[in-house]
Amino acid sequence: MTHSLATFWMRLLVISFVLFHLTGCGVLILGGAAAGTVGYVSGDLNATIEGGFQKVVEAADAAIRENSIRETTRDVSQHQVAYELRTPQDDKILLTISRASKDLTNVTIRVGVFGDEPLSHRILEEIKTRVN
């Protein structure tokens, strides 16, 4: 009798653990795929913008030109553009734009070594304004 009670509790614990983790992953995956999501983690601002890849790249190019940001390098591929930029104060900005789907584009912005959240958000808003 004690053995079957212990087995019951062990099974319940395993099932609870599995359900908890599956639910958490599902929510995380759905949340990450939604348009307009923005997160700032470890110095990187990550966003998914509703807009085609080419349109977001053109918006970023306009934002760079119009805000006295200097482009030092650009690495272009079919599904991604990676910029290295410099502010007028010579702060380094890494900007990556990558295709997520036909109508969604991922943008990652990192300012300096440790990140600058307010400046990252301003750059993102400059890009989003030009996409819309």
Protein backbone atom coordinates (compact mmCIF):
# COMPACT_ATOMS: atom_id res chain seq x y z
CA MET A 1 0.00 0.00 0.00
CA THR A 2 2.83 2.44 0.85
CA HIS A 3 4.55 1.63 -2.42
CA SER A 4 1.48 2.51 -4.54
CA LEU A 5 0.93 5.77 -2.61
CA ALA A 6 4.55 6.80 -3.22
CA THR A 7 4.17 5.88 -6.90
CA PHE A 8 1.00 7.97 -7.13
CA TRP A 9 2.70 11.06 -5.66
CA MET A 10 5.76 10.59 -7.86
CA ARG A 11 3.60 10.36 -10.99
CA LEU A 12 1.61 13.41 -9.94
CA LEU A 13 4.84 15.34 -9.41
CA VAL A 14 6.22 14.34 -12.82
CA ILE A 15 2.96 15.17 -14.62
CA SER A 16 2.76 18.55 -12.85
CA PHE A 17 6.36 19.31 -13.76
CA VAL A 18 5.82 18.43 -17.42
CA LEU A 19 2.58 20.40 -17.70
CA PHE A 20 4.13 23.43 -16.00
CA HIS A 21 7.08 23.49 -18.39
CA LEU A 22 5.03 22.84 -21.51
CA THR A 23 2.65 25.65 -20.63
CA GLY A 24 5.52 28.02 -19.93
CA CYS A 25 7.23 27.23 -23.23
CA GLY A 26 4.01 27.66 -25.17
CA VAL A 27 3.42 31.07 -23.69
CA LEU A 28 7.03 32.07 -24.34
CA ILE A 29 6.91 30.94 -27.95
CA LEU A 30 3.58 32.66 -28.65
CA GLY A 31 4.70 35.85 -26.93
CA GLY A 32 7.93 35.99 -28.92
CA ALA A 33 6.17 35.60 -32.24
CA ALA A 34 3.65 38.38 -31.82
CA ALA A 35 4.06 41.54 -33.88
CA GLY A 36 5.15 44.58 -31.97
CA THR A 37 6.94 42.72 -29.21
CA VAL A 38 9.85 44.53 -27.60
CA GLY A 39 12.27 43.29 -24.95
CA TYR A 40 15.45 44.67 -23.43
CA VAL A 41 17.76 41.93 -22.18
CA SER A 42 21.44 42.16 -21.21
CA GLY A 43 22.01 45.38 -23.15
CA ASP A 44 20.18 44.28 -26.32
CA LEU A 45 16.87 45.74 -27.40
CA ASN A 46 15.00 43.09 -29.41
CA ALA A 47 11.84 43.95 -31.30
CA THR A 48 9.56 42.44 -33.89
CA ILE A 49 8.13 45.08 -36.20
CA GLU A 50 5.08 44.66 -38.38
CA GLY A 51 6.50 45.44 -41.79
CA GLY A 52 8.35 43.75 -44.60
CA PHE A 53 12.11 43.29 -44.41
CA GLN A 54 12.97 45.73 -47.23
CA LYS A 55 10.67 48.40 -45.85
CA VAL A 56 12.30 48.16 -42.39
CA VAL A 57 15.80 48.35 -43.91
CA GLU A 58 14.80 51.46 -45.87
CA ALA A 59 13.33 52.99 -42.70
CA ALA A 60 16.54 52.26 -40.80
CA ASP A 61 18.64 53.82 -43.57
CA ALA A 62 16.50 56.98 -43.40
CA ALA A 63 16.70 57.10 -39.61
CA ILE A 64 20.49 56.76 -39.74
CA ARG A 65 20.84 59.55 -42.33
CA GLU A 66 18.48 61.95 -40.59
CA ASN A 67 19.92 61.58 -37.07
CA SER A 68 23.63 62.29 -37.58
CA ILE A 69 24.53 58.66 -37.04
CA ARG A 70 27.54 57.52 -39.04
CA GLU A 71 27.56 54.10 -40.68
CA THR A 72 30.98 52.44 -40.32
CA THR A 73 30.17 48.99 -41.74
CA ARG A 74 27.25 47.17 -43.28
CA ASP A 75 26.99 43.43 -43.83
CA VAL A 76 24.15 42.51 -46.18
CA SER A 77 22.68 39.10 -46.96
CA GLN A 78 19.35 38.03 -48.42
CA HIS A 79 17.60 37.85 -45.04
CA GLN A 80 19.68 40.11 -42.80
CA VAL A 81 21.44 43.46 -42.66
CA ALA A 82 23.94 44.10 -39.86
CA TYR A 83 25.15 47.65 -39.29
CA GLU A 84 27.94 49.03 -37.16
CA LEU A 85 27.19 52.68 -36.48
CA ARG A 86 28.66 55.56 -34.47
CA THR A 87 26.83 58.37 -32.70
CA PRO A 88 28.19 61.95 -32.84
CA GLN A 89 29.71 61.16 -29.39
CA ASP A 90 31.44 58.14 -31.01
CA ASP A 91 29.35 55.52 -29.15
CA LYS A 92 29.22 52.25 -31.08
CA ILE A 93 25.79 50.96 -32.13
CA LEU A 94 25.18 47.47 -33.48
CA LEU A 95 21.92 47.28 -35.42
CA THR A 96 20.72 44.01 -36.94
CA ILE A 97 17.61 43.69 -39.08
CA SER A 98 16.47 40.21 -40.07
CA ARG A 99 13.48 38.76 -41.86
CA ALA A 100 11.09 36.91 -39.55
CA SER A 101 8.31 36.31 -42.10
CA LYS A 102 6.79 38.06 -45.09
CA ASP A 103 5.27 40.82 -42.94
CA LEU A 104 7.36 40.67 -39.74
CA THR A 105 10.93 41.84 -39.24
CA ASN A 106 13.22 41.41 -36.23
CA VAL A 107 15.37 44.33 -35.09
CA THR A 108 18.16 44.11 -32.51
CA ILE A 109 19.93 47.21 -31.21
CA ARG A 110 22.93 47.38 -28.87
CA VAL A 111 24.58 50.64 -27.87
CA GLY A 112 28.10 50.46 -26.46
CA VAL A 113 29.46 47.56 -24.46
CA PHE A 114 26.79 47.46 -21.77
CA GLY A 115 23.84 48.88 -23.70
CA ASP A 116 21.93 52.15 -23.44
CA GLU A 117 18.24 51.40 -23.14
CA PRO A 118 16.90 54.95 -23.69
CA LEU A 119 19.00 55.48 -26.84
CA SER A 120 18.11 52.00 -28.13
CA HIS A 121 14.41 52.78 -27.72
CA ARG A 122 14.81 56.14 -29.50
CA ILE A 123 16.50 54.46 -32.46
CA LEU A 124 13.75 51.80 -32.59
CA GLU A 125 11.05 54.48 -32.51
CA GLU A 126 12.79 56.37 -35.34
CA ILE A 127 12.70 53.19 -37.44
CA LYS A 128 9.09 52.31 -36.53
CA THR A 129 7.90 55.84 -37.36
CA ARG A 130 9.31 55.52 -40.87
CA VAL A 131 7.87 52.03 -41.40
CA ASN A 132 4.34 53.26 -40.65
